[in-house]
């Protein structure tokens, strides 16, 4: 039964990482392109690390602490790094396409 759980988690994680990577390549501007790695790829990596936790907890004695720490670090740093990249792009006045939403919420530098 654990093999099925691990396999399903690996497939879900791989699918999310693939969708996030395709989004990184196919989106038209930087602001939209950032959604692929921060949303889908983060969820995919969390699923892959959950599969690793299940695998190592069933094959070894005890809970796998390394995967928990990696998941925690990933889930905490991905939104912060995306926010910092967006703030830097706004500061450098990076161009965007017309379909990018939220441009009217950006304050001008004084």
N, C-alpha and C. Protein backbone atom coordinates (compact mmCIF):
# COMPACT_ATOMS: atom_id res chain seq x y z
N UNK A 1 0.82 -1.20 0.00
CA UNK A 1 0.00 0.00 0.00
C UNK A 1 0.87 1.26 0.00
N UNK A 2 1.97 1.24 0.73
CA UNK A 2 2.83 2.43 0.75
C UNK A 2 3.47 2.70 -0.61
N UNK A 3 3.70 1.63 -1.39
CA UNK A 3 4.25 1.85 -2.73
C UNK A 3 3.28 2.65 -3.59
N UNK A 4 1.98 2.38 -3.44
CA UNK A 4 0.97 3.12 -4.19
C UNK A 4 0.94 4.59 -3.77
N UNK A 5 1.01 4.82 -2.48
CA UNK A 5 1.00 6.20 -1.97
C UNK A 5 2.22 6.95 -2.48
N UNK A 6 3.39 6.31 -2.41
CA UNK A 6 4.62 6.94 -2.88
C UNK A 6 4.54 7.20 -4.38
N UNK A 7 4.03 6.23 -5.14
CA UNK A 7 3.92 6.40 -6.59
C UNK A 7 2.98 7.54 -6.96
N UNK A 8 1.85 7.62 -6.28
CA UNK A 8 0.89 8.69 -6.57
C UNK A 8 1.47 10.05 -6.22
N UNK A 9 2.16 10.15 -5.07
CA UNK A 9 2.78 11.41 -4.70
C UNK A 9 3.87 11.81 -5.69
N UNK A 10 4.64 10.84 -6.17
CA UNK A 10 5.68 11.14 -7.16
C UNK A 10 5.07 11.61 -8.48
N UNK A 11 3.99 10.98 -8.90
CA UNK A 11 3.34 11.41 -10.15
C UNK A 11 2.73 12.80 -10.02
N UNK A 12 2.08 13.06 -8.90
CA UNK A 12 1.50 14.39 -8.68
C UNK A 12 2.61 15.44 -8.62
N UNK A 13 3.67 15.15 -7.89
CA UNK A 13 4.78 16.09 -7.79
C UNK A 13 5.44 16.34 -9.13
N UNK A 14 5.65 15.27 -9.90
CA UNK A 14 6.25 15.43 -11.22
C UNK A 14 5.37 16.24 -12.16
N UNK A 15 4.05 16.04 -12.07
CA UNK A 15 3.12 16.80 -12.92
C UNK A 15 3.15 18.28 -12.56
N UNK A 16 3.15 18.60 -11.26
CA UNK A 16 3.20 20.00 -10.85
C UNK A 16 4.52 20.66 -11.25
N UNK A 17 5.62 19.96 -11.10
CA UNK A 17 6.92 20.51 -11.50
C UNK A 17 6.95 20.74 -13.01
N UNK A 18 6.39 19.81 -13.78
CA UNK A 18 6.34 19.97 -15.23
C UNK A 18 5.48 21.17 -15.63
N UNK A 19 4.32 21.31 -15.02
CA UNK A 19 3.44 22.44 -15.32
C UNK A 19 4.11 23.76 -14.93
N UNK A 20 4.77 23.80 -13.79
CA UNK A 20 5.48 25.01 -13.37
C UNK A 20 6.62 25.36 -14.30
N UNK A 21 7.34 24.36 -14.78
CA UNK A 21 8.44 24.61 -15.71
C UNK A 21 7.94 25.09 -17.06
N UNK A 22 6.84 24.52 -17.53
CA UNK A 22 6.25 24.98 -18.80
C UNK A 22 5.75 26.42 -18.64
N UNK A 23 5.15 26.71 -17.50
CA UNK A 23 4.70 28.08 -17.24
C UNK A 23 5.85 29.07 -17.21
N UNK A 24 6.99 28.65 -16.69
CA UNK A 24 8.17 29.51 -16.66
C UNK A 24 8.63 29.86 -18.06
N UNK A 25 8.52 28.92 -18.98
CA UNK A 25 8.99 29.14 -20.34
C UNK A 25 7.95 29.86 -21.19
N UNK A 26 6.69 29.53 -21.04
CA UNK A 26 5.65 29.99 -21.96
C UNK A 26 4.98 31.32 -21.61
N UNK A 27 5.06 31.76 -20.37
CA UNK A 27 4.37 33.00 -20.01
C UNK A 27 5.04 34.20 -20.68
N UNK A 28 4.25 35.25 -21.01
CA UNK A 28 4.78 36.34 -21.84
C UNK A 28 5.66 37.37 -21.13
N UNK A 29 5.47 37.64 -19.86
CA UNK A 29 6.32 38.64 -19.21
C UNK A 29 6.79 38.14 -17.85
N UNK A 30 7.69 38.90 -17.25
CA UNK A 30 8.34 38.47 -16.01
C UNK A 30 7.35 38.26 -14.88
N UNK A 31 6.39 39.14 -14.76
CA UNK A 31 5.44 39.06 -13.65
C UNK A 31 4.59 37.79 -13.73
N UNK A 32 4.16 37.43 -14.92
CA UNK A 32 3.40 36.19 -15.09
C UNK A 32 4.31 34.98 -15.02
N UNK A 33 5.52 35.13 -15.53
CA UNK A 33 6.46 34.02 -15.56
C UNK A 33 6.86 33.56 -14.15
N UNK A 34 6.76 34.46 -13.21
CA UNK A 34 7.16 34.12 -11.84
C UNK A 34 6.17 33.20 -11.14
N UNK A 35 4.93 33.13 -11.64
CA UNK A 35 3.93 32.28 -11.01
C UNK A 35 4.25 30.79 -11.15
N UNK A 36 4.85 30.38 -12.26
CA UNK A 36 5.17 28.97 -12.47
C UNK A 36 6.05 28.39 -11.38
N UNK A 37 7.23 28.97 -11.15
CA UNK A 37 8.09 28.41 -10.11
C UNK A 37 7.57 28.60 -8.69
N UNK A 38 6.87 29.70 -8.44
CA UNK A 38 6.47 29.94 -7.05
C UNK A 38 5.23 29.18 -6.64
N UNK A 39 4.35 28.91 -7.56
CA UNK A 39 3.11 28.23 -7.19
C UNK A 39 3.19 26.72 -7.46
N UNK A 40 3.23 26.38 -8.73
CA UNK A 40 3.13 24.97 -9.11
C UNK A 40 4.38 24.18 -8.73
N UNK A 41 5.54 24.74 -8.97
CA UNK A 41 6.77 24.00 -8.68
C UNK A 41 6.97 23.81 -7.18
N UNK A 42 6.59 24.80 -6.39
CA UNK A 42 6.69 24.65 -4.93
C UNK A 42 5.77 23.54 -4.43
N UNK A 43 4.56 23.49 -4.95
CA UNK A 43 3.63 22.43 -4.58
C UNK A 43 4.14 21.06 -5.06
N UNK A 44 4.71 21.03 -6.25
CA UNK A 44 5.28 19.78 -6.77
C UNK A 44 6.44 19.29 -5.92
N UNK A 45 7.32 20.19 -5.53
CA UNK A 45 8.45 19.79 -4.69
C UNK A 45 7.97 19.33 -3.31
N UNK A 46 6.93 19.96 -2.78
CA UNK A 46 6.38 19.52 -1.50
C UNK A 46 5.82 18.10 -1.63
N UNK A 47 5.19 17.79 -2.75
CA UNK A 47 4.67 16.45 -2.97
C UNK A 47 5.80 15.43 -3.12
N UNK A 48 6.85 15.80 -3.84
CA UNK A 48 8.00 14.90 -3.98
C UNK A 48 8.70 14.65 -2.64
N UNK A 49 8.82 15.69 -1.85
CA UNK A 49 9.44 15.53 -0.53
C UNK A 49 8.55 14.73 0.42
N UNK A 50 7.23 14.86 0.27
CA UNK A 50 6.32 14.03 1.07
C UNK A 50 6.47 12.57 0.69
N UNK A 51 6.63 12.29 -0.60
CA UNK A 51 6.87 10.92 -1.05
C UNK A 51 8.18 10.38 -0.46
N UNK A 52 9.21 11.23 -0.42
CA UNK A 52 10.48 10.81 0.17
C UNK A 52 10.33 10.55 1.67
N UNK A 53 9.53 11.38 2.36
CA UNK A 53 9.30 11.17 3.79
C UNK A 53 8.60 9.83 4.04
N UNK A 54 7.59 9.54 3.23
CA UNK A 54 6.88 8.27 3.38
C UNK A 54 7.81 7.10 3.11
N UNK A 55 8.62 7.20 2.07
CA UNK A 55 9.54 6.11 1.72
C UNK A 55 10.56 5.86 2.82
N UNK A 56 11.22 6.93 3.28
CA UNK A 56 12.27 6.75 4.28
C UNK A 56 11.71 6.40 5.66
N UNK A 57 10.49 6.83 5.97
CA UNK A 57 9.91 6.45 7.26
C UNK A 57 9.48 4.99 7.28
N UNK A 58 9.17 4.41 6.10
CA UNK A 58 8.80 3.00 6.08
C UNK A 58 10.01 2.08 5.96
N UNK A 59 11.10 2.55 5.35
CA UNK A 59 12.28 1.70 5.19
C UNK A 59 13.25 1.82 6.34
N UNK A 60 13.22 2.94 7.06
CA UNK A 60 14.11 3.14 8.19
C UNK A 60 13.29 3.33 9.46
N UNK A 61 13.95 3.22 10.58
CA UNK A 61 13.26 3.42 11.85
C UNK A 61 13.15 4.91 12.13
N UNK A 62 11.98 5.36 12.47
CA UNK A 62 11.78 6.76 12.84
C UNK A 62 11.35 7.64 11.69
N UNK A 63 11.13 8.90 12.02
CA UNK A 63 10.67 9.90 11.07
C UNK A 63 11.87 10.55 10.39
N UNK A 64 11.74 10.84 9.12
CA UNK A 64 12.82 11.47 8.36
C UNK A 64 12.79 12.97 8.58
N UNK A 65 13.75 13.47 9.31
CA UNK A 65 13.78 14.89 9.68
C UNK A 65 14.33 15.74 8.53
N UNK A 66 15.23 15.19 7.72
CA UNK A 66 15.82 15.98 6.64
C UNK A 66 14.77 16.48 5.65
N UNK A 67 13.87 15.61 5.25
CA UNK A 67 12.84 16.01 4.30
C UNK A 67 11.87 17.03 4.90
N UNK A 68 11.61 16.91 6.18
CA UNK A 68 10.74 17.89 6.84
C UNK A 68 11.40 19.26 6.85
N UNK A 69 12.69 19.30 7.14
CA UNK A 69 13.41 20.57 7.16
C UNK A 69 13.51 21.17 5.76
N UNK A 70 13.75 20.34 4.76
CA UNK A 70 13.82 20.84 3.38
C UNK A 70 12.46 21.39 2.95
N UNK A 71 11.38 20.68 3.27
CA UNK A 71 10.04 21.15 2.92
C UNK A 71 9.71 22.47 3.61
N UNK A 72 10.04 22.57 4.88
CA UNK A 72 9.79 23.80 5.63
C UNK A 72 10.58 24.96 5.04
N UNK A 73 11.86 24.73 4.74
CA UNK A 73 12.69 25.77 4.14
C UNK A 73 12.15 26.19 2.78
N UNK A 74 11.76 25.23 1.97
CA UNK A 74 11.23 25.53 0.63
C UNK A 74 9.92 26.31 0.71
N UNK A 75 9.02 25.89 1.56
CA UNK A 75 7.72 26.55 1.66
C UNK A 75 7.81 27.94 2.29
N UNK A 76 8.87 28.19 3.06
CA UNK A 76 9.05 29.52 3.65
C UNK A 76 9.81 30.47 2.73
N UNK A 77 10.78 29.96 1.99
CA UNK A 77 11.62 30.85 1.19
C UNK A 77 11.08 31.15 -0.20
N UNK A 78 10.30 30.28 -0.79
CA UNK A 78 9.80 30.53 -2.15
C UNK A 78 8.92 31.79 -2.23
N UNK A 79 7.95 32.00 -1.35
CA UNK A 79 7.16 33.23 -1.45
C UNK A 79 7.98 34.49 -1.16
N UNK A 80 8.91 34.39 -0.23
CA UNK A 80 9.73 35.56 0.11
C UNK A 80 10.64 35.94 -1.05
N UNK A 81 11.26 34.95 -1.68
CA UNK A 81 12.14 35.25 -2.81
C UNK A 81 11.33 35.78 -4.01
N UNK A 82 10.13 35.26 -4.23
CA UNK A 82 9.28 35.77 -5.31
C UNK A 82 8.89 37.21 -5.04
N UNK A 83 8.56 37.52 -3.80
CA UNK A 83 8.21 38.89 -3.44
C UNK A 83 9.38 39.83 -3.67
N UNK A 84 10.58 39.41 -3.31
CA UNK A 84 11.75 40.26 -3.50
C UNK A 84 12.05 40.46 -4.98
N UNK A 85 11.86 39.44 -5.81
CA UNK A 85 12.07 39.60 -7.25
C UNK A 85 11.04 40.54 -7.87
N UNK A 86 9.79 40.45 -7.44
CA UNK A 86 8.76 41.35 -7.94
C UNK A 86 9.05 42.79 -7.53
N UNK A 87 9.46 43.00 -6.28
CA UNK A 87 9.79 44.35 -5.82
C UNK A 87 10.97 44.92 -6.61
N UNK A 88 11.94 44.09 -6.92
CA UNK A 88 13.08 44.54 -7.71
C UNK A 88 12.65 44.88 -9.14
N UNK A 89 11.77 44.08 -9.73
CA UNK A 89 11.27 44.36 -11.08
C UNK A 89 10.47 45.65 -11.11
N UNK A 90 9.67 45.90 -10.06
CA UNK A 90 8.91 47.15 -9.99
C UNK A 90 9.86 48.34 -9.84
N UNK A 91 10.87 48.18 -9.00
CA UNK A 91 11.84 49.26 -8.79
C UNK A 91 12.59 49.61 -10.07
N UNK A 92 12.91 48.60 -10.87
CA UNK A 92 13.63 48.82 -12.12
C UNK A 92 12.69 49.12 -13.29
N UNK A 93 11.39 49.25 -12.98
CA UNK A 93 10.36 49.58 -13.97
C UNK A 93 10.38 48.62 -15.17
N UNK A 94 10.37 47.35 -14.87
CA UNK A 94 10.35 46.32 -15.90
C UNK A 94 9.01 46.35 -16.62
N UNK A 95 9.05 46.30 -17.94
CA UNK A 95 7.83 46.38 -18.73
C UNK A 95 7.00 45.11 -18.57
N UNK A 96 5.70 45.29 -18.75
CA UNK A 96 4.78 44.15 -18.72
C UNK A 96 3.78 44.31 -19.86
N UNK A 97 3.04 43.26 -20.14
CA UNK A 97 2.04 43.33 -21.19
C UNK A 97 0.74 43.88 -20.61
N UNK A 98 -0.20 44.19 -21.46
CA UNK A 98 -1.47 44.79 -21.03
C UNK A 98 -2.30 43.85 -20.17
N UNK A 99 -2.20 42.53 -20.40
CA UNK A 99 -3.03 41.57 -19.66
C UNK A 99 -2.56 41.36 -18.23
N UNK A 100 -1.38 41.84 -17.86
CA UNK A 100 -0.89 41.68 -16.50
C UNK A 100 -1.77 42.47 -15.55
N UNK A 101 -2.33 41.79 -14.56
CA UNK A 101 -3.26 42.42 -13.63
C UNK A 101 -2.50 42.99 -12.44
N UNK A 102 -3.05 44.02 -11.83
CA UNK A 102 -2.49 44.60 -10.63
C UNK A 102 -1.52 45.73 -10.89
N UNK A 103 -1.35 46.12 -12.13
CA UNK A 103 -0.41 47.21 -12.43
C UNK A 103 -0.89 48.54 -11.86
N UNK A 104 -2.19 48.70 -11.72
CA UNK A 104 -2.72 49.94 -11.17
C UNK A 104 -2.49 50.07 -9.67
N UNK A 105 -2.12 48.96 -9.02
CA UNK A 105 -1.85 48.99 -7.57
C UNK A 105 -0.41 49.36 -7.25
N UNK A 106 0.45 49.47 -8.27
CA UNK A 106 1.85 49.78 -8.06
C UNK A 106 1.98 51.28 -7.81
N UNK A 107 2.64 51.64 -6.72
CA UNK A 107 2.84 53.04 -6.39
C UNK A 107 4.08 53.55 -7.12
N UNK A 108 4.03 54.82 -7.51
CA UNK A 108 5.18 55.43 -8.16
C UNK A 108 6.22 55.80 -7.12
N UNK A 109 7.50 55.70 -7.53
CA UNK A 109 8.59 56.13 -6.65
C UNK A 109 8.61 57.65 -6.59
N UNK A 110 8.79 58.18 -5.41
CA UNK A 110 8.81 59.63 -5.24
C UNK A 110 10.22 60.12 -5.18
